[in-house]
């Protein structure tokens, strides 16, 4: 689990954990993750996140893995588009769960 969580939060440094990230199977696949007031989207060399305290978008290049240089002010449309994708994924996942489409229905 730890390698997958590290991959989700953008930690790309070598680590001593056993196992591998489940995301590593398709490393170029966009990542969209949302939980409560937090959203993260990673695609095409960019990471966008929604600050859970003020809701403002943040945008970072993949080579800024410590996320120290927010460039959302320079690329607001990219940040908005990535976060909208994460929000769509979150709403779809919520719909699947609410309508019982995740697990097969028990036969009676």
C-alpha atoms as a PDB file:
ATOM      1  CA  UNK A   1       0.000   0.000   0.000  1.00  0.00           C
ATOM      2  CA  UNK A   2       2.770   2.469   0.913  1.00  0.00           C
ATOM      3  CA  UNK A   3       4.310   2.612  -2.602  1.00  0.00           C
ATOM      4  CA  UNK A   4       0.889   3.309  -4.135  1.00  0.00           C
ATOM      5  CA  UNK A   5       0.098   6.054  -1.604  1.00  0.00           C
ATOM      6  CA  UNK A   6       3.543   7.588  -2.181  1.00  0.00           C
ATOM      7  CA  UNK A   7       2.859   7.561  -5.920  1.00  0.00           C
ATOM      8  CA  UNK A   8      -0.542   9.209  -5.419  1.00  0.00           C
ATOM      9  CA  UNK A   9       0.949  12.067  -3.420  1.00  0.00           C
ATOM     10  CA  UNK A  10       3.744  12.548  -5.920  1.00  0.00           C
ATOM     11  CA  UNK A  11       6.683  11.111  -3.967  1.00  0.00           C
ATOM     12  CA  UNK A  12       8.955   9.801  -6.697  1.00  0.00           C
ATOM     13  CA  UNK A  13      12.144   9.250  -4.702  1.00  0.00           C
ATOM     14  CA  UNK A  14      13.611   5.758  -4.132  1.00  0.00           C
ATOM     15  CA  UNK A  15      12.348   4.208  -0.908  1.00  0.00           C
ATOM     16  CA  UNK A  16      13.018   1.116   1.213  1.00  0.00           C
ATOM     17  CA  UNK A  17       9.454  -0.277   1.012  1.00  0.00           C
ATOM     18  CA  UNK A  18       8.748  -3.700  -0.342  1.00  0.00           C
ATOM     19  CA  UNK A  19       6.364  -3.969  -3.239  1.00  0.00           C
ATOM     20  CA  UNK A  20       5.501  -1.538  -5.995  1.00  0.00           C
ATOM     21  CA  UNK A  21       2.958   1.119  -6.797  1.00  0.00           C
ATOM     22  CA  UNK A  22      -0.214  -0.185  -8.381  1.00  0.00           C
ATOM     23  CA  UNK A  23      -0.100   2.920 -10.562  1.00  0.00           C
ATOM     24  CA  UNK A  24       3.248   1.856 -12.007  1.00  0.00           C
ATOM     25  CA  UNK A  25       1.485  -0.575 -14.339  1.00  0.00           C
ATOM     26  CA  UNK A  26       0.499   2.402 -16.513  1.00  0.00           C
ATOM     27  CA  UNK A  27       2.813   5.260 -15.503  1.00  0.00           C
ATOM     28  CA  UNK A  28       1.489   7.605 -18.218  1.00  0.00           C
ATOM     29  CA  UNK A  29      -2.112   7.162 -17.126  1.00  0.00           C
ATOM     30  CA  UNK A  30      -3.650  10.321 -15.646  1.00  0.00           C
ATOM     31  CA  UNK A  31      -4.279  10.169 -11.921  1.00  0.00           C
ATOM     32  CA  UNK A  32      -7.468  11.714 -10.545  1.00  0.00           C
ATOM     33  CA  UNK A  33      -8.160  11.551  -6.859  1.00  0.00           C
ATOM     34  CA  UNK A  34     -10.678  13.336  -4.660  1.00  0.00           C
ATOM     35  CA  UNK A  35     -11.533  12.867  -1.019  1.00  0.00           C
ATOM     36  CA  UNK A  36     -13.736  15.171   1.019  1.00  0.00           C
ATOM     37  CA  UNK A  37     -12.409  18.700   0.407  1.00  0.00           C
ATOM     38  CA  UNK A  38      -9.229  17.630  -1.399  1.00  0.00           C
ATOM     39  CA  UNK A  39      -8.735  16.985  -5.101  1.00  0.00           C
ATOM     40  CA  UNK A  40      -5.579  15.966  -6.947  1.00  0.00           C
ATOM     41  CA  UNK A  41      -5.072  15.448 -10.668  1.00  0.00           C
ATOM     42  CA  UNK A  42      -1.837  14.478 -12.351  1.00  0.00           C
ATOM     43  CA  UNK A  43      -1.436  14.324 -16.127  1.00  0.00           C
ATOM     44  CA  UNK A  44       0.892  15.358 -18.894  1.00  0.00           C
ATOM     45  CA  UNK A  45       3.741  16.515 -16.670  1.00  0.00           C
ATOM     46  CA  UNK A  46       1.539  18.552 -14.333  1.00  0.00           C
ATOM     47  CA  UNK A  47       0.026  18.113 -10.876  1.00  0.00           C
ATOM     48  CA  UNK A  48      -3.016  20.147  -9.860  1.00  0.00           C
ATOM     49  CA  UNK A  49      -4.559  20.162  -6.429  1.00  0.00           C
ATOM     50  CA  UNK A  50      -7.279  22.014  -4.647  1.00  0.00           C
ATOM     51  CA  UNK A  51      -6.181  23.502  -1.342  1.00  0.00           C
ATOM     52  CA  UNK A  52      -8.547  22.004   1.271  1.00  0.00           C
ATOM     53  CA  UNK A  53      -8.417  25.149   3.408  1.00  0.00           C
ATOM     54  CA  UNK A  54      -9.219  27.860   0.864  1.00  0.00           C
ATOM     55  CA  UNK A  55     -10.343  25.833  -2.169  1.00  0.00           C
ATOM     56  CA  UNK A  56      -7.856  27.594  -4.432  1.00  0.00           C
ATOM     57  CA  UNK A  57      -6.222  25.592  -7.222  1.00  0.00           C
ATOM     58  CA  UNK A  58      -2.505  24.920  -7.104  1.00  0.00           C
ATOM     59  CA  UNK A  59      -0.494  23.759 -10.116  1.00  0.00           C
ATOM     60  CA  UNK A  60       2.996  22.269 -10.178  1.00  0.00           C
ATOM     61  CA  UNK A  61       5.297  20.857 -12.850  1.00  0.00           C
ATOM     62  CA  UNK A  62       6.294  17.219 -12.389  1.00  0.00           C
ATOM     63  CA  UNK A  63       9.936  18.223 -11.954  1.00  0.00           C
ATOM     64  CA  UNK A  64       8.899  20.273  -8.873  1.00  0.00           C
ATOM     65  CA  UNK A  65       8.198  17.163  -6.778  1.00  0.00           C
ATOM     66  CA  UNK A  66       8.395  19.119  -3.489  1.00  0.00           C
ATOM     67  CA  UNK A  67       5.675  21.392  -4.901  1.00  0.00           C
ATOM     68  CA  UNK A  68       7.389  24.640  -3.995  1.00  0.00           C
ATOM     69  CA  UNK A  69       6.567  26.705  -7.118  1.00  0.00           C
ATOM     70  CA  UNK A  70       2.822  27.100  -7.654  1.00  0.00           C
ATOM     71  CA  UNK A  71       2.214  28.179 -11.267  1.00  0.00           C
ATOM     72  CA  UNK A  72      -1.618  28.171 -11.196  1.00  0.00           C
ATOM     73  CA  UNK A  73      -1.616  31.939 -11.698  1.00  0.00           C
ATOM     74  CA  UNK A  74       0.240  31.481 -14.985  1.00  0.00           C
ATOM     75  CA  UNK A  75      -1.816  28.507 -16.201  1.00  0.00           C
ATOM     76  CA  UNK A  76      -5.290  28.880 -14.587  1.00  0.00           C
ATOM     77  CA  UNK A  77      -7.146  27.048 -17.381  1.00  0.00           C
ATOM     78  CA  UNK A  78      -4.892  23.999 -17.090  1.00  0.00           C
ATOM     79  CA  UNK A  79      -5.352  23.869 -13.310  1.00  0.00           C
ATOM     80  CA  UNK A  80      -9.130  24.260 -13.703  1.00  0.00           C
ATOM     81  CA  UNK A  81      -9.341  21.547 -16.402  1.00  0.00           C
ATOM     82  CA  UNK A  82      -7.307  19.020 -14.392  1.00  0.00           C
ATOM     83  CA  UNK A  83      -9.335  19.628 -11.223  1.00  0.00           C
ATOM     84  CA  UNK A  84     -12.635  19.404 -13.102  1.00  0.00           C
ATOM     85  CA  UNK A  85     -11.536  15.962 -14.291  1.00  0.00           C
ATOM     86  CA  UNK A  86     -10.815  14.914 -10.700  1.00  0.00           C
ATOM     87  CA  UNK A  87     -14.219  16.221  -9.609  1.00  0.00           C
ATOM     88  CA  UNK A  88     -15.978  14.318 -12.428  1.00  0.00           C
ATOM     89  CA  UNK A  89     -14.216  11.124 -11.364  1.00  0.00           C
ATOM     90  CA  UNK A  90     -15.215  11.701  -7.743  1.00  0.00           C
ATOM     91  CA  UNK A  91     -18.876  12.288  -8.667  1.00  0.00           C
ATOM     92  CA  UNK A  92     -18.902   9.194 -10.911  1.00  0.00           C
ATOM     93  CA  UNK A  93     -17.376   7.018  -8.168  1.00  0.00           C
ATOM     94  CA  UNK A  94     -19.918   8.367  -5.669  1.00  0.00           C
ATOM     95  CA  UNK A  95     -22.733   7.541  -8.106  1.00  0.00           C
ATOM     96  CA  UNK A  96     -21.436   3.991  -8.586  1.00  0.00           C
ATOM     97  CA  UNK A  97     -21.347   3.438  -4.831  1.00  0.00           C
ATOM     98  CA  UNK A  98     -24.760   5.024  -4.150  1.00  0.00           C
ATOM     99  CA  UNK A  99     -26.431   2.938  -6.855  1.00  0.00           C
ATOM    100  CA  UNK A 100     -24.810  -0.351  -5.900  1.00  0.00           C
ATOM    101  CA  UNK A 101     -22.810  -0.678  -9.111  1.00  0.00           C
ATOM    102  CA  UNK A 102     -19.462  -1.510  -7.501  1.00  0.00           C
ATOM    103  CA  UNK A 103     -20.153  -4.893  -5.953  1.00  0.00           C
ATOM    104  CA  UNK A 104     -22.362  -7.594  -7.467  1.00  0.00           C
ATOM    105  CA  UNK A 105     -25.755  -7.891  -5.892  1.00  0.00           C
ATOM    106  CA  UNK A 106     -26.231 -10.874  -3.618  1.00  0.00           C
ATOM    107  CA  UNK A 107     -28.438 -13.541  -5.168  1.00  0.00           C
ATOM    108  CA  UNK A 108     -31.482 -14.443  -3.162  1.00  0.00           C
END
